[in-house]
Amino acid sequence: MNTFTIVCLVSLLAVYLWISEYYLKRNLGIKSKWTWMFAEDRYKISMIIDIVLVVAFIYSFLSLNIDANSENKPVMMKISPVFALFFLQHLNQGIEERLRNFNDKAYYHQFLSSFMIGLSFLIFLIGHS
């Protein structure tokens, strides 16, 4: 990992913590909510989407890493399912939270974390090439 990647990731973490903890929680009073994947109060379609995402992650991760030609593939290609899983799960939970509790605005935290995961993947991608 080069210096550019480390500096950008530390800066991204600082920006994320400032937006999430200081701006959203303290200034706007929006508390983050965390729900388990199989919580009873979740929509069934969101649970199904999360299960499909996990199964697709396992399949894609194993097919990219346990293959005859896996040593020839770039590292970013091998770990891209991890970023995709977290990005899509946070996006799915943010959409569900927005549909369920629109006035609560806790979905801002989910969308922010999804956005930051996408940015961190871009930073890793740029820093790796």
N, C-alpha and C. Protein backbone atom coordinates (compact mmCIF):
# COMPACT_ATOMS: atom_id res chain seq x y z
N MET A 1 0.85 -1.16 0.00
CA MET A 1 0.00 0.00 0.00
C MET A 1 0.90 1.23 0.00
N ASN A 2 0.60 2.15 -0.88
CA ASN A 2 1.45 3.33 -0.98
C ASN A 2 0.95 4.46 -0.07
N THR A 3 1.71 5.53 -0.01
CA THR A 3 1.39 6.64 0.87
C THR A 3 0.10 7.33 0.48
N PHE A 4 -0.15 7.45 -0.81
CA PHE A 4 -1.39 8.07 -1.29
C PHE A 4 -2.62 7.34 -0.74
N THR A 5 -2.59 6.03 -0.80
CA THR A 5 -3.73 5.24 -0.34
C THR A 5 -3.94 5.42 1.16
N ILE A 6 -2.86 5.38 1.92
CA ILE A 6 -2.98 5.51 3.37
C ILE A 6 -3.49 6.89 3.76
N VAL A 7 -2.96 7.93 3.14
CA VAL A 7 -3.40 9.30 3.47
C VAL A 7 -4.86 9.49 3.09
N CYS A 8 -5.25 9.00 1.93
CA CYS A 8 -6.65 9.14 1.50
C CYS A 8 -7.60 8.37 2.39
N LEU A 9 -7.22 7.17 2.81
CA LEU A 9 -8.09 6.37 3.68
C LEU A 9 -8.22 6.99 5.07
N VAL A 10 -7.13 7.52 5.60
CA VAL A 10 -7.21 8.18 6.90
C VAL A 10 -8.05 9.45 6.80
N SER A 11 -7.91 10.20 5.72
CA SER A 11 -8.72 11.39 5.50
C SER A 11 -10.20 11.02 5.35
N LEU A 12 -10.46 9.95 4.61
CA LEU A 12 -11.84 9.50 4.42
C LEU A 12 -12.44 9.06 5.75
N LEU A 13 -11.68 8.36 6.57
CA LEU A 13 -12.16 7.96 7.89
C LEU A 13 -12.46 9.18 8.76
N ALA A 14 -11.60 10.17 8.71
CA ALA A 14 -11.83 11.39 9.50
C ALA A 14 -13.08 12.12 9.03
N VAL A 15 -13.27 12.23 7.73
CA VAL A 15 -14.46 12.89 7.19
C VAL A 15 -15.72 12.12 7.57
N TYR A 16 -15.65 10.78 7.46
CA TYR A 16 -16.80 9.95 7.82
C TYR A 16 -17.17 10.13 9.28
N LEU A 17 -16.18 10.07 10.16
CA LEU A 17 -16.47 10.22 11.59
C LEU A 17 -17.00 11.61 11.90
N TRP A 18 -16.47 12.63 11.24
CA TRP A 18 -16.96 13.98 11.49
C TRP A 18 -18.41 14.11 11.03
N ILE A 19 -18.71 13.63 9.83
CA ILE A 19 -20.09 13.75 9.33
C ILE A 19 -21.04 12.91 10.18
N SER A 20 -20.66 11.68 10.46
CA SER A 20 -21.56 10.77 11.18
C SER A 20 -21.75 11.17 12.64
N GLU A 21 -20.64 11.35 13.33
CA GLU A 21 -20.74 11.60 14.77
C GLU A 21 -21.07 13.06 15.11
N TYR A 22 -20.40 13.98 14.46
CA TYR A 22 -20.59 15.38 14.83
C TYR A 22 -21.82 15.99 14.14
N TYR A 23 -21.87 15.89 12.83
CA TYR A 23 -22.93 16.59 12.11
C TYR A 23 -24.29 15.89 12.25
N LEU A 24 -24.33 14.59 11.90
CA LEU A 24 -25.63 13.90 11.92
C LEU A 24 -26.14 13.66 13.34
N LYS A 25 -25.28 13.19 14.23
CA LYS A 25 -25.75 12.86 15.57
C LYS A 25 -25.91 14.08 16.46
N ARG A 26 -24.91 14.95 16.48
CA ARG A 26 -24.96 16.06 17.43
C ARG A 26 -25.72 17.28 16.91
N ASN A 27 -25.47 17.66 15.66
CA ASN A 27 -26.15 18.86 15.15
C ASN A 27 -27.58 18.59 14.74
N LEU A 28 -27.80 17.51 13.98
CA LEU A 28 -29.15 17.23 13.50
C LEU A 28 -29.94 16.31 14.42
N GLY A 29 -29.27 15.66 15.35
CA GLY A 29 -29.95 14.78 16.31
C GLY A 29 -30.44 13.48 15.70
N ILE A 30 -29.79 13.00 14.65
CA ILE A 30 -30.19 11.76 13.98
C ILE A 30 -29.36 10.61 14.55
N LYS A 31 -30.01 9.72 15.25
CA LYS A 31 -29.33 8.57 15.83
C LYS A 31 -29.28 7.44 14.80
N SER A 32 -28.18 6.71 14.81
CA SER A 32 -28.07 5.57 13.90
C SER A 32 -28.76 4.37 14.51
N LYS A 33 -29.35 3.56 13.63
CA LYS A 33 -30.00 2.33 14.06
C LYS A 33 -29.32 1.16 13.38
N TRP A 34 -29.10 0.12 14.15
CA TRP A 34 -28.52 -1.08 13.59
C TRP A 34 -29.51 -2.21 13.82
N THR A 35 -29.82 -2.93 12.76
CA THR A 35 -30.70 -4.08 12.88
C THR A 35 -29.99 -5.31 12.36
N TRP A 36 -30.25 -6.40 13.01
CA TRP A 36 -29.66 -7.67 12.61
C TRP A 36 -30.29 -8.12 11.31
N MET A 37 -29.58 -8.93 10.56
CA MET A 37 -30.06 -9.36 9.25
C MET A 37 -31.37 -10.13 9.33
N PHE A 38 -31.59 -10.88 10.39
CA PHE A 38 -32.81 -11.67 10.53
C PHE A 38 -33.73 -11.13 11.63
N ALA A 39 -33.71 -9.84 11.84
CA ALA A 39 -34.59 -9.24 12.85
C ALA A 39 -36.05 -9.40 12.44
N GLU A 40 -36.91 -9.56 13.42
CA GLU A 40 -38.32 -9.84 13.13
C GLU A 40 -39.06 -8.64 12.54
N ASP A 41 -38.63 -7.44 12.86
CA ASP A 41 -39.36 -6.27 12.38
C ASP A 41 -38.90 -5.78 11.00
N ARG A 42 -38.02 -6.53 10.35
CA ARG A 42 -37.57 -6.14 9.00
C ARG A 42 -38.55 -6.62 7.96
N TYR A 43 -38.56 -5.93 6.82
CA TYR A 43 -39.36 -6.38 5.70
C TYR A 43 -38.78 -7.68 5.16
N LYS A 44 -39.66 -8.58 4.75
CA LYS A 44 -39.22 -9.89 4.26
C LYS A 44 -38.40 -9.75 2.98
N ILE A 45 -38.77 -8.84 2.10
CA ILE A 45 -38.04 -8.67 0.83
C ILE A 45 -36.62 -8.19 1.09
N SER A 46 -36.44 -7.35 2.11
CA SER A 46 -35.09 -6.88 2.45
C SER A 46 -34.25 -8.01 3.02
N MET A 47 -34.87 -8.88 3.81
CA MET A 47 -34.14 -10.03 4.33
C MET A 47 -33.74 -10.97 3.20
N ILE A 48 -34.64 -11.16 2.24
CA ILE A 48 -34.33 -12.02 1.09
C ILE A 48 -33.20 -11.42 0.27
N ILE A 49 -33.24 -10.11 0.07
CA ILE A 49 -32.17 -9.44 -0.68
C ILE A 49 -30.83 -9.59 0.04
N ASP A 50 -30.83 -9.45 1.37
CA ASP A 50 -29.59 -9.64 2.13
C ASP A 50 -29.06 -11.06 2.02
N ILE A 51 -29.96 -12.04 2.07
CA ILE A 51 -29.54 -13.44 1.95
C ILE A 51 -28.97 -13.69 0.55
N VAL A 52 -29.63 -13.16 -0.48
CA VAL A 52 -29.12 -13.32 -1.85
C VAL A 52 -27.76 -12.65 -1.99
N LEU A 53 -27.58 -11.50 -1.37
CA LEU A 53 -26.28 -10.82 -1.42
C LEU A 53 -25.18 -11.65 -0.76
N VAL A 54 -25.48 -12.25 0.37
CA VAL A 54 -24.47 -13.07 1.06
C VAL A 54 -24.12 -14.30 0.24
N VAL A 55 -25.14 -14.96 -0.33
CA VAL A 55 -24.88 -16.14 -1.16
C VAL A 55 -24.08 -15.76 -2.40
N ALA A 56 -24.46 -14.64 -3.04
CA ALA A 56 -23.70 -14.18 -4.21
C ALA A 56 -22.28 -13.80 -3.84
N PHE A 57 -22.09 -13.22 -2.65
CA PHE A 57 -20.75 -12.89 -2.18
C PHE A 57 -19.91 -14.15 -2.01
N ILE A 58 -20.47 -15.15 -1.35
CA ILE A 58 -19.72 -16.39 -1.12
C ILE A 58 -19.34 -17.03 -2.45
N TYR A 59 -20.29 -17.09 -3.37
CA TYR A 59 -20.01 -17.70 -4.66
C TYR A 59 -18.95 -16.92 -5.44
N SER A 60 -19.11 -15.60 -5.51
CA SER A 60 -18.16 -14.80 -6.29
C SER A 60 -16.78 -14.77 -5.64
N PHE A 61 -16.74 -14.70 -4.31
CA PHE A 61 -15.45 -14.68 -3.63
C PHE A 61 -14.71 -16.00 -3.84
N LEU A 62 -15.42 -17.10 -3.71
CA LEU A 62 -14.78 -18.39 -3.90
C LEU A 62 -14.39 -18.63 -5.35
N SER A 63 -15.23 -18.20 -6.28
CA SER A 63 -14.90 -18.40 -7.69
C SER A 63 -13.73 -17.54 -8.14
N LEU A 64 -13.54 -16.39 -7.51
CA LEU A 64 -12.41 -15.54 -7.88
C LEU A 64 -11.12 -15.95 -7.18
N ASN A 65 -11.21 -16.54 -6.00
CA ASN A 65 -10.01 -16.84 -5.23
C ASN A 65 -9.59 -18.30 -5.24
N ILE A 66 -10.51 -19.20 -5.46
CA ILE A 66 -10.16 -20.62 -5.51
C ILE A 66 -10.39 -21.09 -6.94
N ASP A 67 -9.43 -20.80 -7.74
CA ASP A 67 -9.50 -21.11 -9.16
C ASP A 67 -8.10 -21.48 -9.62
N ALA A 68 -8.02 -22.14 -10.76
CA ALA A 68 -6.71 -22.53 -11.28
C ALA A 68 -5.89 -21.31 -11.67
N ASN A 69 -6.54 -20.27 -12.14
CA ASN A 69 -5.84 -19.05 -12.58
C ASN A 69 -5.96 -17.92 -11.57
N SER A 70 -6.24 -18.22 -10.32
CA SER A 70 -6.47 -17.15 -9.34
C SER A 70 -5.22 -16.33 -9.03
N GLU A 71 -4.05 -16.94 -9.16
CA GLU A 71 -2.83 -16.17 -8.88
C GLU A 71 -2.53 -15.15 -9.97
N ASN A 72 -3.15 -15.28 -11.13
CA ASN A 72 -2.94 -14.32 -12.21
C ASN A 72 -3.87 -13.12 -12.11
N LYS A 73 -4.90 -13.21 -11.28
CA LYS A 73 -5.88 -12.12 -11.16
C LYS A 73 -5.35 -11.04 -10.23
N PRO A 74 -5.67 -9.79 -10.53
CA PRO A 74 -5.23 -8.70 -9.64
C PRO A 74 -5.88 -8.79 -8.26
N VAL A 75 -5.22 -8.22 -7.28
CA VAL A 75 -5.71 -8.27 -5.91
C VAL A 75 -7.05 -7.55 -5.78
N MET A 76 -7.20 -6.44 -6.48
CA MET A 76 -8.46 -5.70 -6.39
C MET A 76 -9.63 -6.50 -6.94
N MET A 77 -9.38 -7.33 -7.92
CA MET A 77 -10.45 -8.17 -8.44
C MET A 77 -10.83 -9.23 -7.42
N LYS A 78 -9.84 -9.71 -6.68
CA LYS A 78 -10.10 -10.75 -5.70
C LYS A 78 -10.90 -10.24 -4.51
N ILE A 79 -10.64 -9.00 -4.09
CA ILE A 79 -11.34 -8.49 -2.91
C ILE A 79 -12.55 -7.63 -3.25
N SER A 80 -12.84 -7.43 -4.51
CA SER A 80 -13.98 -6.61 -4.89
C SER A 80 -15.32 -7.15 -4.39
N PRO A 81 -15.54 -8.47 -4.26
CA PRO A 81 -16.81 -8.92 -3.69
C PRO A 81 -17.04 -8.46 -2.26
N VAL A 82 -15.97 -8.27 -1.50
CA VAL A 82 -16.12 -7.81 -0.11
C VAL A 82 -16.69 -6.39 -0.10
N PHE A 83 -16.11 -5.52 -0.92
CA PHE A 83 -16.62 -4.15 -1.00
C PHE A 83 -18.05 -4.13 -1.54
N ALA A 84 -18.32 -4.95 -2.54
CA ALA A 84 -19.66 -5.00 -3.12
C ALA A 84 -20.69 -5.46 -2.09
N LEU A 85 -20.33 -6.46 -1.30
CA LEU A 85 -21.25 -6.96 -0.28
C LEU A 85 -21.60 -5.86 0.71
N PHE A 86 -20.60 -5.22 1.29
CA PHE A 86 -20.86 -4.19 2.29
C PHE A 86 -21.58 -2.98 1.69
N PHE A 87 -21.19 -2.58 0.49
CA PHE A 87 -21.85 -1.46 -0.17
C PHE A 87 -23.33 -1.75 -0.40
N LEU A 88 -23.63 -2.91 -0.96
CA LEU A 88 -25.02 -3.25 -1.28
C LEU A 88 -25.85 -3.54 -0.05
N GLN A 89 -25.26 -4.12 0.98
CA GLN A 89 -26.02 -4.36 2.21
C GLN A 89 -26.38 -3.05 2.91
N HIS A 90 -25.46 -2.12 2.98
CA HIS A 90 -25.78 -0.84 3.59
C HIS A 90 -26.79 -0.07 2.75
N LEU A 91 -26.67 -0.17 1.45
CA LEU A 91 -27.65 0.49 0.58
C LEU A 91 -29.04 -0.13 0.77
N ASN A 92 -29.11 -1.45 0.83
CA ASN A 92 -30.39 -2.13 1.03
C ASN A 92 -31.00 -1.76 2.38
N GLN A 93 -30.19 -1.74 3.43
CA GLN A 93 -30.71 -1.39 4.74
C GLN A 93 -31.12 0.07 4.82
N GLY A 94 -30.41 0.94 4.08
CA GLY A 94 -30.80 2.35 4.04
C GLY A 94 -32.13 2.55 3.33
N ILE A 95 -32.33 1.85 2.24
CA ILE A 95 -33.60 1.95 1.53
C ILE A 95 -34.74 1.41 2.39
N GLU A 96 -34.49 0.29 3.06
CA GLU A 96 -35.52 -0.27 3.93
C GLU A 96 -35.86 0.68 5.08
N GLU A 97 -34.83 1.24 5.67
CA GLU A 97 -35.05 2.18 6.78
C GLU A 97 -35.80 3.42 6.31
N ARG A 98 -35.51 3.87 5.12
CA ARG A 98 -36.22 5.03 4.56
C ARG A 98 -37.69 4.72 4.31
N LEU A 99 -37.97 3.53 3.83
CA LEU A 99 -39.35 3.14 3.60
C LEU A 99 -40.11 2.91 4.90
N ARG A 100 -39.44 2.38 5.90
CA ARG A 100 -40.10 2.04 7.15
C ARG A 100 -40.28 3.26 8.06
N ASN A 101 -39.24 4.02 8.27
CA ASN A 101 -39.28 5.17 9.17
C ASN A 101 -38.74 6.40 8.45
N PHE A 102 -39.57 7.01 7.64
CA PHE A 102 -39.12 8.15 6.85
C PHE A 102 -38.79 9.35 7.72
N ASN A 103 -39.58 9.62 8.72
CA ASN A 103 -39.37 10.81 9.56
C ASN A 103 -38.21 10.66 10.53
N ASP A 104 -37.78 9.44 10.79
CA ASP A 104 -36.69 9.19 11.72
C ASP A 104 -35.33 9.61 11.15
N LYS A 105 -35.18 9.50 9.87
CA LYS A 105 -33.98 9.88 9.11
C LYS A 105 -32.71 9.14 9.54
N ALA A 106 -32.86 7.97 10.14
CA ALA A 106 -31.70 7.16 10.51
C ALA A 106 -31.04 6.56 9.27
N TYR A 107 -31.75 6.58 8.16
CA TYR A 107 -31.21 6.03 6.92
C TYR A 107 -30.05 6.88 6.38
N TYR A 108 -29.90 8.10 6.85
CA TYR A 108 -28.76 8.92 6.44
C TYR A 108 -27.44 8.23 6.78
N HIS A 109 -27.39 7.58 7.94
CA HIS A 109 -26.17 6.88 8.36
C HIS A 109 -25.87 5.71 7.42
N GLN A 110 -26.90 4.97 7.02
CA GLN A 110 -26.69 3.83 6.12
C GLN A 110 -26.21 4.31 4.75
N PHE A 111 -26.84 5.35 4.23
CA PHE A 111 -26.43 5.87 2.92
C PHE A 111 -25.02 6.46 2.98
N LEU A 112 -24.69 7.12 4.09
CA LEU A 112 -23.34 7.67 4.25
C LEU A 112 -22.30 6.56 4.30
N SER A 113 -22.58 5.50 5.03
CA SER A 113 -21.61 4.41 5.10
C SER A 113 -21.49 3.69 3.76
N SER A 114 -22.57 3.56 3.03
CA SER A 114 -22.52 2.95 1.71
C SER A 114 -21.67 3.80 0.76
N PHE A 115 -21.85 5.10 0.83
CA PHE A 115 -21.07 6.01 0.00
C PHE A 115 -19.58 5.95 0.36
N MET A 116 -19.28 5.88 1.65
CA MET A 116 -17.89 5.83 2.08
C MET A 116 -17.22 4.50 1.70
N ILE A 117 -17.97 3.42 1.71
CA ILE A 117 -17.42 2.14 1.28
C ILE A 117 -17.09 2.19 -0.20
N GLY A 118 -17.97 2.79 -0.99
CA GLY A 118 -17.68 2.96 -2.42
C GLY A 118 -16.46 3.82 -2.66
N LEU A 119 -16.33 4.91 -1.91
CA LEU A 119 -15.15 5.77 -2.04
C LEU A 119 -13.87 5.06 -1.62
N SER A 120 -13.95 4.26 -0.56
CA SER A 120 -12.75 3.54 -0.14
C SER A 120 -12.33 2.51 -1.19
N PHE A 121 -13.30 1.88 -1.85
CA PHE A 121 -12.95 0.97 -2.94
C PHE A 121 -12.26 1.72 -4.07
N LEU A 122 -12.76 2.91 -4.41
CA LEU A 122 -12.11 3.71 -5.45
C LEU A 122 -10.69 4.12 -5.05
N ILE A 123 -10.51 4.46 -3.78
CA ILE A 123 -9.17 4.83 -3.31
C ILE A 123 -8.23 3.64 -3.41
N PHE A 124 -8.70 2.46 -3.00
CA PHE A 124 -7.87 1.27 -3.14
C PHE A 124 -7.58 0.97 -4.60
N LEU A 125 -8.57 1.16 -5.45
CA LEU A 125 -8.39 0.89 -6.88
C LEU A 125 -7.38 1.84 -7.51
N ILE A 126 -7.47 3.12 -7.19
CA ILE A 126 -6.54 4.11 -7.72
C ILE A 126 -5.14 3.89 -7.14
N GLY A 127 -5.07 3.60 -5.86
CA GLY A 127 -3.78 3.40 -5.21
C GLY A 127 -3.08 2.12 -5.63
N HIS A 128 -3.84 1.14 -6.04
CA HIS A 128 -3.26 -0.13 -6.43
C HIS A 128 -2.70 -0.08 -7.83
N SER A 129 -3.28 0.73 -8.71
CA SER A 129 -2.81 0.77 -10.09
C SER A 129 -1.69 1.74 -10.31
